[in-house]
Amino acid sequence: MTRRTFLRHSTVGALGACAVCAGVADGSIAASAATDATRIGTLVDVTRCIGCRACVRACNQRNGLPQPEKPSTVWNGPVEELNFGRWTTVNLQGTPANGAAVPVKRQCMHCLEPACVSVCPVAALQQLPNGVVMYRKERCIGCRYCMFACPFGIPKFEWEASLDPEIGKCQFCAQHAVFTGPACAQACPTGALKFGSRQALLAEAKARIHVRPERYRDHVYGEHEAGGTAWLYLSSRSFSDLGFNTQLPRFGLPRLTWVALKLVPGVVIALVIVLTSVSFRMGRLAQQAAVHDRT
């Protein structure tokens, strides 16, 4: 670790701690210009998914991530979990008592009121006017508050690069210079994924339920969960049976996360100082070991 890197981490860390203590816990740091009229979204119709994983391959290719180990519709072996280098997965879900398991896609839900954004003390996570929750690596201090705050367990830390903290999550492909929607939706061959205005997609989801009540449960997952999400789901099965968290409140979670964070500003400062010192010391030891190996 160079002196410049140490100073950058120290400065950002100190600013993060000061931000918490200065009272940004009122949620102002998470303010967004997103409105119902500007929010984008994706509708996932589980009944149309064939489990081809074209969405996973498209996501990895578009974002420079490793391709999945499981080709196409090979389902044997362990369940694929989201991690730092895997931003979306498709796995079979459902209990045998309720019928055959069905493929279900998972990724960041892009909450309308993202708890991860509200708890980040340095605004490494921000919400764009279209509702997309973006991550800015250059601001991240590795505090991992976002991981604890997310009701869906989405942000994943890069544990193998602790000296250069970074998390991985779906960014809706909005981090690229030209944004035409998420690559996963563009790659879907059956129309199971549809990108567009969240407002229009929600209306379409309800229309599908009305026209085909025998096909769908009368529930659009993501309409109200945790205050609402940009990703909306339709299914013929109960969402609890498919592994979705159905115990979430109908209001946004930032109002709860900052109540808790306000109580520990002193701990935050101490933690930032300690972690920065440890990071610097580990960097020095690594440099000394490298010099020793060359001699």
C-alpha atoms as a PDB file:
ATOM      1  CA  MET A   1       0.000   0.000   0.000  1.00  0.00           C
ATOM      2  CA  THR A   2       1.453   3.362  -0.987  1.00  0.00           C
ATOM      3  CA  ARG A   3       1.390   6.462   1.166  1.00  0.00           C
ATOM      4  CA  ARG A   4      -1.096   8.003  -1.290  1.00  0.00           C
ATOM      5  CA  THR A   5      -3.438   5.015  -0.962  1.00  0.00           C
ATOM      6  CA  PHE A   6      -3.173   5.158   2.813  1.00  0.00           C
ATOM      7  CA  LEU A   7      -3.993   8.858   2.846  1.00  0.00           C
ATOM      8  CA  ARG A   8      -6.963   8.288   0.536  1.00  0.00           C
ATOM      9  CA  HIS A   9      -8.362   5.544   2.746  1.00  0.00           C
ATOM     10  CA  SER A  10      -7.711   7.560   5.900  1.00  0.00           C
ATOM     11  CA  THR A  11      -9.336  10.694   4.507  1.00  0.00           C
ATOM     12  CA  VAL A  12     -12.373   8.902   3.141  1.00  0.00           C
ATOM     13  CA  GLY A  13     -12.726   6.936   6.364  1.00  0.00           C
ATOM     14  CA  ALA A  14     -12.523  10.054   8.498  1.00  0.00           C
ATOM     15  CA  LEU A  15     -15.021  11.839   6.302  1.00  0.00           C
ATOM     16  CA  GLY A  16     -17.346   8.868   6.594  1.00  0.00           C
ATOM     17  CA  ALA A  17     -17.162   8.871  10.362  1.00  0.00           C
ATOM     18  CA  CYS A  18     -17.617  12.623  10.528  1.00  0.00           C
ATOM     19  CA  ALA A  19     -20.592  12.412   8.199  1.00  0.00           C
ATOM     20  CA  VAL A  20     -22.359  10.023  10.538  1.00  0.00           C
ATOM     21  CA  CYS A  21     -21.573  12.111  13.602  1.00  0.00           C
ATOM     22  CA  ALA A  22     -22.577  15.333  11.869  1.00  0.00           C
ATOM     23  CA  GLY A  23     -26.080  14.067  11.473  1.00  0.00           C
ATOM     24  CA  VAL A  24     -26.411  12.914   7.896  1.00  0.00           C
ATOM     25  CA  ALA A  25     -28.365  10.135   9.533  1.00  0.00           C
ATOM     26  CA  ASP A  26     -31.454  12.170   8.817  1.00  0.00           C
ATOM     27  CA  GLY A  27     -31.401  10.426   5.439  1.00  0.00           C
ATOM     28  CA  SER A  28     -30.389  13.478   3.404  1.00  0.00           C
ATOM     29  CA  ILE A  29     -27.383  11.658   1.976  1.00  0.00           C
ATOM     30  CA  ALA A  30     -29.782   9.154   0.409  1.00  0.00           C
ATOM     31  CA  ALA A  31     -31.979  11.776  -1.222  1.00  0.00           C
ATOM     32  CA  SER A  32     -32.999  10.953  -4.771  1.00  0.00           C
ATOM     33  CA  ALA A  33     -34.910  12.715  -7.508  1.00  0.00           C
ATOM     34  CA  ALA A  34     -36.624   9.458  -8.492  1.00  0.00           C
ATOM     35  CA  THR A  35     -40.406   9.678  -8.863  1.00  0.00           C
ATOM     36  CA  ASP A  36     -43.128   7.297 -10.014  1.00  0.00           C
ATOM     37  CA  ALA A  37     -42.960   8.937 -13.440  1.00  0.00           C
ATOM     38  CA  THR A  38     -39.181   8.496 -13.831  1.00  0.00           C
ATOM     39  CA  ARG A  39     -38.578   5.103 -12.242  1.00  0.00           C
ATOM     40  CA  ILE A  40     -37.602   2.210 -14.480  1.00  0.00           C
ATOM     41  CA  GLY A  41     -38.102  -1.449 -13.655  1.00  0.00           C
ATOM     42  CA  THR A  42     -38.190  -5.031 -14.849  1.00  0.00           C
ATOM     43  CA  LEU A  43     -41.130  -7.419 -14.685  1.00  0.00           C
ATOM     44  CA  VAL A  44     -40.189 -11.051 -14.058  1.00  0.00           C
ATOM     45  CA  ASP A  45     -42.888 -13.541 -15.037  1.00  0.00           C
ATOM     46  CA  VAL A  46     -41.792 -16.764 -13.358  1.00  0.00           C
ATOM     47  CA  THR A  47     -44.391 -18.743 -15.337  1.00  0.00           C
ATOM     48  CA  ARG A  48     -42.565 -17.889 -18.569  1.00  0.00           C
ATOM     49  CA  CYS A  49     -39.040 -18.734 -17.391  1.00  0.00           C
ATOM     50  CA  ILE A  50     -37.579 -21.914 -18.899  1.00  0.00           C
ATOM     51  CA  GLY A  51     -34.343 -21.793 -16.906  1.00  0.00           C
ATOM     52  CA  CYS A  52     -32.055 -21.358 -19.915  1.00  0.00           C
ATOM     53  CA  ARG A  53     -29.819 -18.954 -17.976  1.00  0.00           C
ATOM     54  CA  ALA A  54     -29.364 -16.746 -21.035  1.00  0.00           C
ATOM     55  CA  CYS A  55     -29.911 -13.824 -18.636  1.00  0.00           C
ATOM     56  CA  VAL A  56     -27.017 -14.940 -16.436  1.00  0.00           C
ATOM     57  CA  ARG A  57     -24.627 -15.304 -19.364  1.00  0.00           C
ATOM     58  CA  ALA A  58     -25.669 -11.919 -20.789  1.00  0.00           C
ATOM     59  CA  CYS A  59     -25.165 -10.227 -17.417  1.00  0.00           C
ATOM     60  CA  ASN A  60     -21.699 -11.693 -16.987  1.00  0.00           C
ATOM     61  CA  GLN A  61     -20.653 -10.816 -20.523  1.00  0.00           C
ATOM     62  CA  ARG A  62     -21.941  -7.242 -20.312  1.00  0.00           C
ATOM     63  CA  ASN A  63     -20.264  -6.615 -16.961  1.00  0.00           C
ATOM     64  CA  GLY A  64     -17.033  -8.547 -17.451  1.00  0.00           C
ATOM     65  CA  LEU A  65     -17.865 -11.185 -14.839  1.00  0.00           C
ATOM     66  CA  PRO A  66     -16.921 -14.895 -14.900  1.00  0.00           C
ATOM     67  CA  GLN A  67     -19.352 -17.062 -16.831  1.00  0.00           C
ATOM     68  CA  PRO A  68     -21.466 -19.495 -14.770  1.00  0.00           C
ATOM     69  CA  GLU A  69     -20.075 -22.928 -14.018  1.00  0.00           C
ATOM     70  CA  LYS A  70     -23.397 -24.575 -14.823  1.00  0.00           C
ATOM     71  CA  PRO A  71     -24.093 -24.589 -18.567  1.00  0.00           C
ATOM     72  CA  SER A  72     -27.626 -23.981 -19.766  1.00  0.00           C
ATOM     73  CA  THR A  73     -30.208 -25.965 -17.805  1.00  0.00           C
ATOM     74  CA  VAL A  74     -27.943 -28.274 -15.801  1.00  0.00           C
ATOM     75  CA  TRP A  75     -29.504 -28.239 -12.332  1.00  0.00           C
ATOM     76  CA  ASN A  76     -27.550 -30.878 -10.444  1.00  0.00           C
ATOM     77  CA  GLY A  77     -25.035 -29.728  -7.884  1.00  0.00           C
ATOM     78  CA  PRO A  78     -25.125 -26.934  -5.287  1.00  0.00           C
ATOM     79  CA  VAL A  79     -27.360 -23.888  -5.632  1.00  0.00           C
ATOM     80  CA  GLU A  80     -25.599 -20.915  -7.194  1.00  0.00           C
ATOM     81  CA  GLU A  81     -25.501 -18.031  -4.732  1.00  0.00           C
ATOM     82  CA  LEU A  82     -24.991 -14.358  -5.468  1.00  0.00           C
ATOM     83  CA  ASN A  83     -21.448 -13.232  -4.739  1.00  0.00           C
ATOM     84  CA  PHE A  84     -18.984 -10.481  -5.616  1.00  0.00           C
ATOM     85  CA  GLY A  85     -18.508 -11.778  -9.153  1.00  0.00           C
ATOM     86  CA  ARG A  86     -22.025 -13.143  -9.699  1.00  0.00           C
ATOM     87  CA  TRP A  87     -24.738 -10.487  -9.851  1.00  0.00           C
ATOM     88  CA  THR A  88     -27.655 -12.652 -10.942  1.00  0.00           C
ATOM     89  CA  THR A  89     -28.573 -16.313 -10.572  1.00  0.00           C
ATOM     90  CA  VAL A  90     -31.262 -18.720 -11.742  1.00  0.00           C
ATOM     91  CA  ASN A  91     -32.013 -21.685  -9.490  1.00  0.00           C
ATOM     92  CA  LEU A  92     -34.821 -24.180  -9.079  1.00  0.00           C
ATOM     93  CA  GLN A  93     -37.141 -23.174  -6.242  1.00  0.00           C
ATOM     94  CA  GLY A  94     -40.258 -24.633  -4.669  1.00  0.00           C
ATOM     95  CA  THR A  95     -41.182 -27.466  -2.316  1.00  0.00           C
ATOM     96  CA  PRO A  96     -42.160 -30.844  -3.843  1.00  0.00           C
ATOM     97  CA  ALA A  97     -45.473 -30.791  -1.969  1.00  0.00           C
ATOM     98  CA  ASN A  98     -46.547 -27.773  -4.026  1.00  0.00           C
ATOM     99  CA  GLY A  99     -45.538 -29.156  -7.408  1.00  0.00           C
ATOM    100  CA  ALA A 100     -42.366 -29.384  -9.438  1.00  0.00           C
ATOM    101  CA  ALA A 101     -39.639 -26.867  -8.714  1.00  0.00           C
ATOM    102  CA  VAL A 102     -39.455 -23.884 -11.069  1.00  0.00           C
ATOM    103  CA  PRO A 103     -36.508 -21.700 -12.136  1.00  0.00           C
ATOM    104  CA  VAL A 104     -36.369 -18.326 -10.393  1.00  0.00           C
ATOM    105  CA  LYS A 105     -34.050 -15.419 -11.195  1.00  0.00           C
ATOM    106  CA  ARG A 106     -32.484 -13.350  -8.418  1.00  0.00           C
ATOM    107  CA  GLN A 107     -30.529 -10.076  -8.448  1.00  0.00           C
ATOM    108  CA  CYS A 108     -30.531  -6.711  -6.671  1.00  0.00           C
ATOM    109  CA  MET A 109     -34.145  -5.560  -6.324  1.00  0.00           C
ATOM    110  CA  HIS A 110     -33.280  -1.829  -6.572  1.00  0.00           C
ATOM    111  CA  CYS A 111     -35.562  -0.722  -3.736  1.00  0.00           C
ATOM    112  CA  LEU A 112     -37.533   2.480  -4.163  1.00  0.00           C
ATOM    113  CA  GLU A 113     -36.243   3.501  -0.719  1.00  0.00           C
ATOM    114  CA  PRO A 114     -32.916   1.648  -0.557  1.00  0.00           C
ATOM    115  CA  ALA A 115     -31.660   0.933   2.944  1.00  0.00           C
ATOM    116  CA  CYS A 116     -28.146   0.365   1.582  1.00  0.00           C
ATOM    117  CA  VAL A 117     -28.028   3.931   0.290  1.00  0.00           C
ATOM    118  CA  SER A 118     -29.300   5.374   3.536  1.00  0.00           C
ATOM    119  CA  VAL A 119     -26.686   3.676   5.734  1.00  0.00           C
ATOM    120  CA  CYS A 120     -23.631   4.325   3.554  1.00  0.00           C
ATOM    121  CA  PRO A 121     -21.696   7.106   5.347  1.00  0.00           C
ATOM    122  CA  VAL A 122     -19.720   8.166   2.257  1.00  0.00           C
ATOM    123  CA  ALA A 123     -22.388   7.895  -0.462  1.00  0.00           C
ATOM    124  CA  ALA A 124     -20.656   5.012  -2.211  1.00  0.00           C
ATOM    125  CA  LEU A 125     -24.189   3.819  -2.968  1.00  0.00           C
ATOM    126  CA  GLN A 126     -26.489   6.330  -4.616  1.00  0.00           C
ATOM    127  CA  GLN A 127     -29.905   6.271  -6.217  1.00  0.00           C
ATOM    128  CA  LEU A 128     -30.222   7.788  -9.690  1.00  0.00           C
ATOM    129  CA  PRO A 129     -33.267   9.806 -10.827  1.00  0.00           C
ATOM    130  CA  ASN A 130     -34.523   6.697 -12.645  1.00  0.00           C
ATOM    131  CA  GLY A 131     -34.415   4.729  -9.389  1.00  0.00           C
ATOM    132  CA  VAL A 132     -31.332   2.618 -10.127  1.00  0.00           C
ATOM    133  CA  VAL A 133     -29.117   2.002  -7.085  1.00  0.00           C
ATOM    134  CA  MET A 134     -25.538   2.596  -8.240  1.00  0.00           C
ATOM    135  CA  TYR A 135     -22.275   1.693  -6.533  1.00  0.00           C
ATOM    136  CA  ARG A 136     -19.176   3.926  -6.683  1.00  0.00           C
ATOM    137  CA  LYS A 137     -16.081   1.926  -5.806  1.00  0.00           C
ATOM    138  CA  GLU A 138     -13.821   4.948  -5.426  1.00  0.00           C
ATOM    139  CA  ARG A 139     -15.841   6.110  -2.415  1.00  0.00           C
ATOM    140  CA  CYS A 140     -16.166   2.776  -0.633  1.00  0.00           C
ATOM    141  CA  ILE A 141     -14.393   2.406   2.745  1.00  0.00           C
ATOM    142  CA  GLY A 142     -15.402  -1.214   3.261  1.00  0.00           C
ATOM    143  CA  CYS A 143     -17.626  -0.658   6.304  1.00  0.00           C
ATOM    144  CA  ARG A 144     -20.163  -3.199   4.916  1.00  0.00           C
ATOM    145  CA  TYR A 145     -23.164  -1.420   6.469  1.00  0.00           C
ATOM    146  CA  CYS A 146     -24.956  -1.960   3.160  1.00  0.00           C
ATOM    147  CA  MET A 147     -24.662  -5.727   3.576  1.00  0.00           C
ATOM    148  CA  PHE A 148     -26.286  -5.640   6.992  1.00  0.00           C
ATOM    149  CA  ALA A 149     -28.999  -3.168   5.981  1.00  0.00           C
ATOM    150  CA  CYS A 150     -30.209  -4.865   2.776  1.00  0.00           C
ATOM    151  CA  PRO A 151     -33.422  -6.852   3.417  1.00  0.00           C
ATOM    152  CA  PHE A 152     -32.640  -9.084   0.431  1.00  0.00           C
ATOM    153  CA  GLY A 153     -29.008  -9.871   1.269  1.00  0.00           C
ATOM    154  CA  ILE A 154     -27.713  -8.492  -2.028  1.00  0.00           C
ATOM    155  CA  PRO A 155     -24.403  -6.555  -1.633  1.00  0.00           C
ATOM    156  CA  LYS A 156     -21.458  -8.957  -1.575  1.00  0.00           C
ATOM    157  CA  PHE A 157     -17.996  -8.030  -0.315  1.00  0.00           C
ATOM    158  CA  GLU A 158     -14.760  -8.911  -2.081  1.00  0.00           C
ATOM    159  CA  TRP A 159     -13.117 -10.765   0.790  1.00  0.00           C
ATOM    160  CA  GLU A 160      -9.963 -11.558  -1.183  1.00  0.00           C
ATOM    161  CA  ALA A 161      -9.073  -7.873  -1.594  1.00  0.00           C
ATOM    162  CA  SER A 162      -9.557  -6.503   1.915  1.00  0.00           C
ATOM    163  CA  LEU A 163      -6.915  -3.805   1.377  1.00  0.00           C
ATOM    164  CA  ASP A 164      -8.962  -2.369  -1.470  1.00  0.00           C
ATOM    165  CA  PRO A 165     -12.589  -2.653  -0.263  1.00  0.00           C
ATOM    166  CA  GLU A 166     -15.252  -3.265  -2.863  1.00  0.00           C
ATOM    167  CA  ILE A 167     -18.715  -4.765  -3.091  1.00  0.00           C
ATOM    168  CA  GLY A 168     -20.469  -6.353  -6.054  1.00  0.00           C
ATOM    169  CA  LYS A 169     -24.140  -6.044  -7.016  1.00  0.00           C
ATOM    170  CA  CYS A 170     -26.405  -5.642 -10.042  1.00  0.00           C
ATOM    171  CA  GLN A 171     -26.382  -2.043 -11.268  1.00  0.00           C
ATOM    172  CA  PHE A 172     -29.146  -2.490 -13.858  1.00  0.00           C
ATOM    173  CA  CYS A 173     -26.360  -2.112 -16.477  1.00  0.00           C
ATOM    174  CA  ALA A 174     -26.761   1.641 -15.941  1.00  0.00           C
ATOM    175  CA  GLN A 175     -23.057   2.069 -15.166  1.00  0.00           C
ATOM    176  CA  HIS A 176     -22.188   1.739 -18.849  1.00  0.00           C
ATOM    177  CA  ALA A 177     -21.821   4.747 -21.151  1.00  0.00           C
ATOM    178  CA  VAL A 178     -24.781   3.678 -23.304  1.00  0.00           C
ATOM    179  CA  PHE A 179     -27.784   2.473 -21.306  1.00  0.00           C
ATOM    180  CA  THR A 180     -30.573   0.690 -23.165  1.00  0.00           C
ATOM    181  CA  GLY A 181     -31.791  -1.464 -20.315  1.00  0.00           C
ATOM    182  CA  PRO A 182     -30.410  -4.502 -18.489  1.00  0.00           C
ATOM    183  CA  ALA A 183     -28.613  -7.076 -20.614  1.00  0.00           C
ATOM    184  CA  CYS A 184     -30.493  -9.900 -18.917  1.00  0.00           C
ATOM    185  CA  ALA A 185     -33.882  -8.644 -20.124  1.00  0.00           C
ATOM    186  CA  GLN A 186     -32.588  -8.145 -23.650  1.00  0.00           C
ATOM    187  CA  ALA A 187     -31.297 -11.726 -23.752  1.00  0.00           C
ATOM    188  CA  CYS A 188     -34.436 -13.467 -22.471  1.00  0.00           C
ATOM    189  CA  PRO A 189     -35.893 -15.602 -25.313  1.00  0.00           C
ATOM    190  CA  THR A 190     -39.341 -16.168 -23.780  1.00  0.00           C
ATOM    191  CA  GLY A 191     -40.362 -12.727 -22.550  1.00  0.00           C
ATOM    192  CA  ALA A 192     -40.027 -13.766 -18.915  1.00  0.00           C
ATOM    193  CA  LEU A 193     -38.137 -10.507 -18.375  1.00  0.00           C
ATOM    194  CA  LYS A 194     -39.567  -7.205 -19.548  1.00  0.00           C
ATOM    195  CA  PHE A 195     -37.833  -3.863 -19.052  1.00  0.00           C
ATOM    196  CA  GLY A 196     -39.606  -0.501 -19.017  1.00  0.00           C
ATOM    197  CA  SER A 197     -41.288   2.086 -16.842  1.00  0.00           C
ATOM    198  CA  ARG A 198     -42.018   0.654 -13.391  1.00  0.00           C
ATOM    199  CA  GLN A 199     -45.398   2.348 -13.391  1.00  0.00           C
ATOM    200  CA  ALA A 200     -46.345   0.757 -16.727  1.00  0.00           C
ATOM    201  CA  LEU A 201     -44.935  -2.646 -15.757  1.00  0.00           C
ATOM    202  CA  LEU A 202     -46.930  -2.683 -12.527  1.00  0.00           C
ATOM    203  CA  ALA A 203     -50.108  -1.911 -14.475  1.00  0.00           C
ATOM    204  CA  GLU A 204     -49.267  -4.688 -16.946  1.00  0.00           C
ATOM    205  CA  ALA A 205     -48.622  -7.170 -14.146  1.00  0.00           C
ATOM    206  CA  LYS A 206     -52.032  -6.472 -12.618  1.00  0.00           C
ATOM    207  CA  ALA A 207     -53.661  -6.745 -16.028  1.00  0.00           C
ATOM    208  CA  ARG A 208     -52.111 -10.181 -16.556  1.00  0.00           C
ATOM    209  CA  ILE A 209     -53.477 -11.316 -13.194  1.00  0.00           C
ATOM    210  CA  HIS A 210     -56.929  -9.978 -14.081  1.00  0.00           C
ATOM    211  CA  VAL A 211     -57.012 -11.668 -17.492  1.00  0.00           C
ATOM    212  CA  ARG A 212     -55.510 -14.984 -16.352  1.00  0.00           C
ATOM    213  CA  PRO A 213     -56.453 -15.468 -12.661  1.00  0.00           C
ATOM    214  CA  GLU A 214     -56.016 -19.229 -13.028  1.00  0.00           C
ATOM    215  CA  ARG A 215     -52.389 -18.714 -14.096  1.00  0.00           C
ATOM    216  CA  TYR A 216     -51.193 -16.172 -11.538  1.00  0.00           C
ATOM    217  CA  ARG A 217     -51.332 -15.580  -7.820  1.00  0.00           C
ATOM    218  CA  ASP A 218     -53.018 -12.277  -6.995  1.00  0.00           C
ATOM    219  CA  HIS A 219     -49.754 -10.799  -5.778  1.00  0.00           C
ATOM    220  CA  VAL A 220     -47.140  -8.670  -7.523  1.00  0.00           C
ATOM    221  CA  TYR A 221     -44.008  -9.179  -5.462  1.00  0.00           C
ATOM    222  CA  GLY A 222     -42.107  -5.903  -5.208  1.00  0.00           C
ATOM    223  CA  GLU A 223     -45.141  -3.642  -5.389  1.00  0.00           C
ATOM    224  CA  HIS A 224     -45.094  -3.001  -1.644  1.00  0.00           C
ATOM    225  CA  GLU A 225     -42.327  -5.140  -0.111  1.00  0.00           C
ATOM    226  CA  ALA A 226     -39.842  -2.938   1.789  1.00  0.00           C
ATOM    227  CA  GLY A 227     -41.579   0.114   0.358  1.00  0.00           C
ATOM    228  CA  GLY A 228     -41.530  -1.239  -3.194  1.00  0.00           C
ATOM    229  CA  THR A 229     -38.803  -2.371  -5.613  1.00  0.00           C
ATOM    230  CA  ALA A 230     -37.891  -1.770  -9.242  1.00  0.00           C
ATOM    231  CA  TRP A 231     -37.965  -5.505  -9.933  1.00  0.00           C
ATOM    232  CA  LEU A 232     -41.496  -6.917  -9.935  1.00  0.00           C
ATOM    233  CA  TYR A 233     -42.434 -10.610  -9.939  1.00  0.00           C
ATOM    234  CA  LEU A 234     -45.435 -12.631 -11.086  1.00  0.00           C
ATOM    235  CA  SER A 235     -45.867 -16.303 -10.202  1.00  0.00           C
ATOM    236  CA  SER A 236     -48.356 -19.151 -10.158  1.00  0.00           C
ATOM    237  CA  ARG A 237     -46.944 -20.256  -6.812  1.00  0.00           C
ATOM    238  CA  SER A 238     -46.837 -18.492  -3.471  1.00  0.00           C
ATOM    239  CA  PHE A 239     -43.687 -16.411  -3.206  1.00  0.00           C
ATOM    240  CA  SER A 240     -42.882 -17.857   0.201  1.00  0.00           C
ATOM    241  CA  ASP A 241     -42.737 -21.301  -1.435  1.00  0.00           C
ATOM    242  CA  LEU A 242     -40.243 -19.912  -3.955  1.00  0.00           C
ATOM    243  CA  GLY A 243     -37.933 -18.642  -1.236  1.00  0.00           C
ATOM    244  CA  PHE A 244     -38.898 -14.950  -1.297  1.00  0.00           C
ATOM    245  CA  ASN A 245     -39.013 -12.995   1.930  1.00  0.00           C
ATOM    246  CA  THR A 246     -42.729 -12.353   2.435  1.00  0.00           C
ATOM    247  CA  GLN A 247     -42.388 -10.927   5.961  1.00  0.00           C
ATOM    248  CA  LEU A 248     -41.072  -7.536   4.913  1.00  0.00           C
ATOM    249  CA  PRO A 249     -42.928  -4.365   5.940  1.00  0.00           C
ATOM    250  CA  ARG A 250     -44.768  -2.286   3.359  1.00  0.00           C
ATOM    251  CA  PHE A 251     -42.774   0.837   4.188  1.00  0.00           C
ATOM    252  CA  GLY A 252     -39.204   1.743   3.244  1.00  0.00           C
ATOM    253  CA  LEU A 253     -36.500   0.530   5.617  1.00  0.00           C
ATOM    254  CA  PRO A 254     -34.228   3.622   5.754  1.00  0.00           C
ATOM    255  CA  ARG A 255     -36.364   5.059   8.536  1.00  0.00           C
ATOM    256  CA  LEU A 256     -35.391   2.046  10.660  1.00  0.00           C
ATOM    257  CA  THR A 257     -31.734   1.717   9.690  1.00  0.00           C
ATOM    258  CA  TRP A 258     -30.834   5.280  10.600  1.00  0.00           C
ATOM    259  CA  VAL A 259     -32.574   5.021  13.967  1.00  0.00           C
ATOM    260  CA  ALA A 260     -30.131   2.261  14.826  1.00  0.00           C
ATOM    261  CA  LEU A 261     -27.087   3.949  13.277  1.00  0.00           C
ATOM    262  CA  LYS A 262     -27.625   7.188  15.195  1.00  0.00           C
ATOM    263  CA  LEU A 263     -27.033   5.321  18.418  1.00  0.00           C
ATOM    264  CA  VAL A 264     -23.443   4.330  17.647  1.00  0.00           C
ATOM    265  CA  PRO A 265     -21.501   7.304  16.198  1.00  0.00           C
ATOM    266  CA  GLY A 266     -18.604   6.794  18.607  1.00  0.00           C
ATOM    267  CA  VAL A 267     -18.288   3.177  17.607  1.00  0.00           C
ATOM    268  CA  VAL A 268     -18.232   4.184  13.957  1.00  0.00           C
ATOM    269  CA  ILE A 269     -15.319   6.543  14.482  1.00  0.00           C
ATOM    270  CA  ALA A 270     -13.364   3.967  16.466  1.00  0.00           C
ATOM    271  CA  LEU A 271     -14.032   1.284  13.887  1.00  0.00           C
ATOM    272  CA  VAL A 272     -12.896   3.459  10.987  1.00  0.00           C
ATOM    273  CA  ILE A 273      -9.677   4.421  12.803  1.00  0.00           C
ATOM    274  CA  VAL A 274      -8.885   0.838  13.775  1.00  0.00           C
ATOM    275  CA  LEU A 275      -9.613  -0.597  10.324  1.00  0.00           C
ATOM    276  CA  THR A 276      -7.556   2.103   8.629  1.00  0.00           C
ATOM    277  CA  SER A 277      -4.618   1.420  10.956  1.00  0.00           C
ATOM    278  CA  VAL A 278      -4.868  -2.319  10.419  1.00  0.00           C
ATOM    279  CA  SER A 279      -5.116  -1.835   6.660  1.00  0.00           C
ATOM    280  CA  PHE A 280      -1.988   0.333   6.642  1.00  0.00           C
ATOM    281  CA  ARG A 281      -0.079  -2.106   8.859  1.00  0.00           C
ATOM    282  CA  MET A 282      -1.012  -5.083   6.662  1.00  0.00           C
ATOM    283  CA  GLY A 283       0.108  -3.157   3.604  1.00  0.00           C
ATOM    284  CA  ARG A 284       3.472  -2.403   5.226  1.00  0.00           C
ATOM    285  CA  LEU A 285       3.954  -6.055   6.181  1.00  0.00           C
ATOM    286  CA  ALA A 286       3.121  -7.147   2.634  1.00  0.00           C
ATOM    287  CA  GLN A 287       5.671  -4.704   1.235  1.00  0.00           C
ATOM    288  CA  GLN A 288       8.357  -5.882   3.667  1.00  0.00           C
ATOM    289  CA  ALA A 289       7.629  -9.525   2.787  1.00  0.00           C
ATOM    290  CA  ALA A 290       7.937  -8.737  -0.915  1.00  0.00           C
ATOM    291  CA  VAL A 291      11.309  -7.027  -0.375  1.00  0.00           C
ATOM    292  CA  HIS A 292      12.492  -9.966   1.719  1.00  0.00           C
ATOM    293  CA  ASP A 293      11.514 -12.449  -1.006  1.00  0.00           C
ATOM    294  CA  ARG A 294      13.528 -10.551  -3.591  1.00  0.00           C
ATOM    295  CA  THR A 295      16.690 -10.559  -1.461  1.00  0.00           C
END
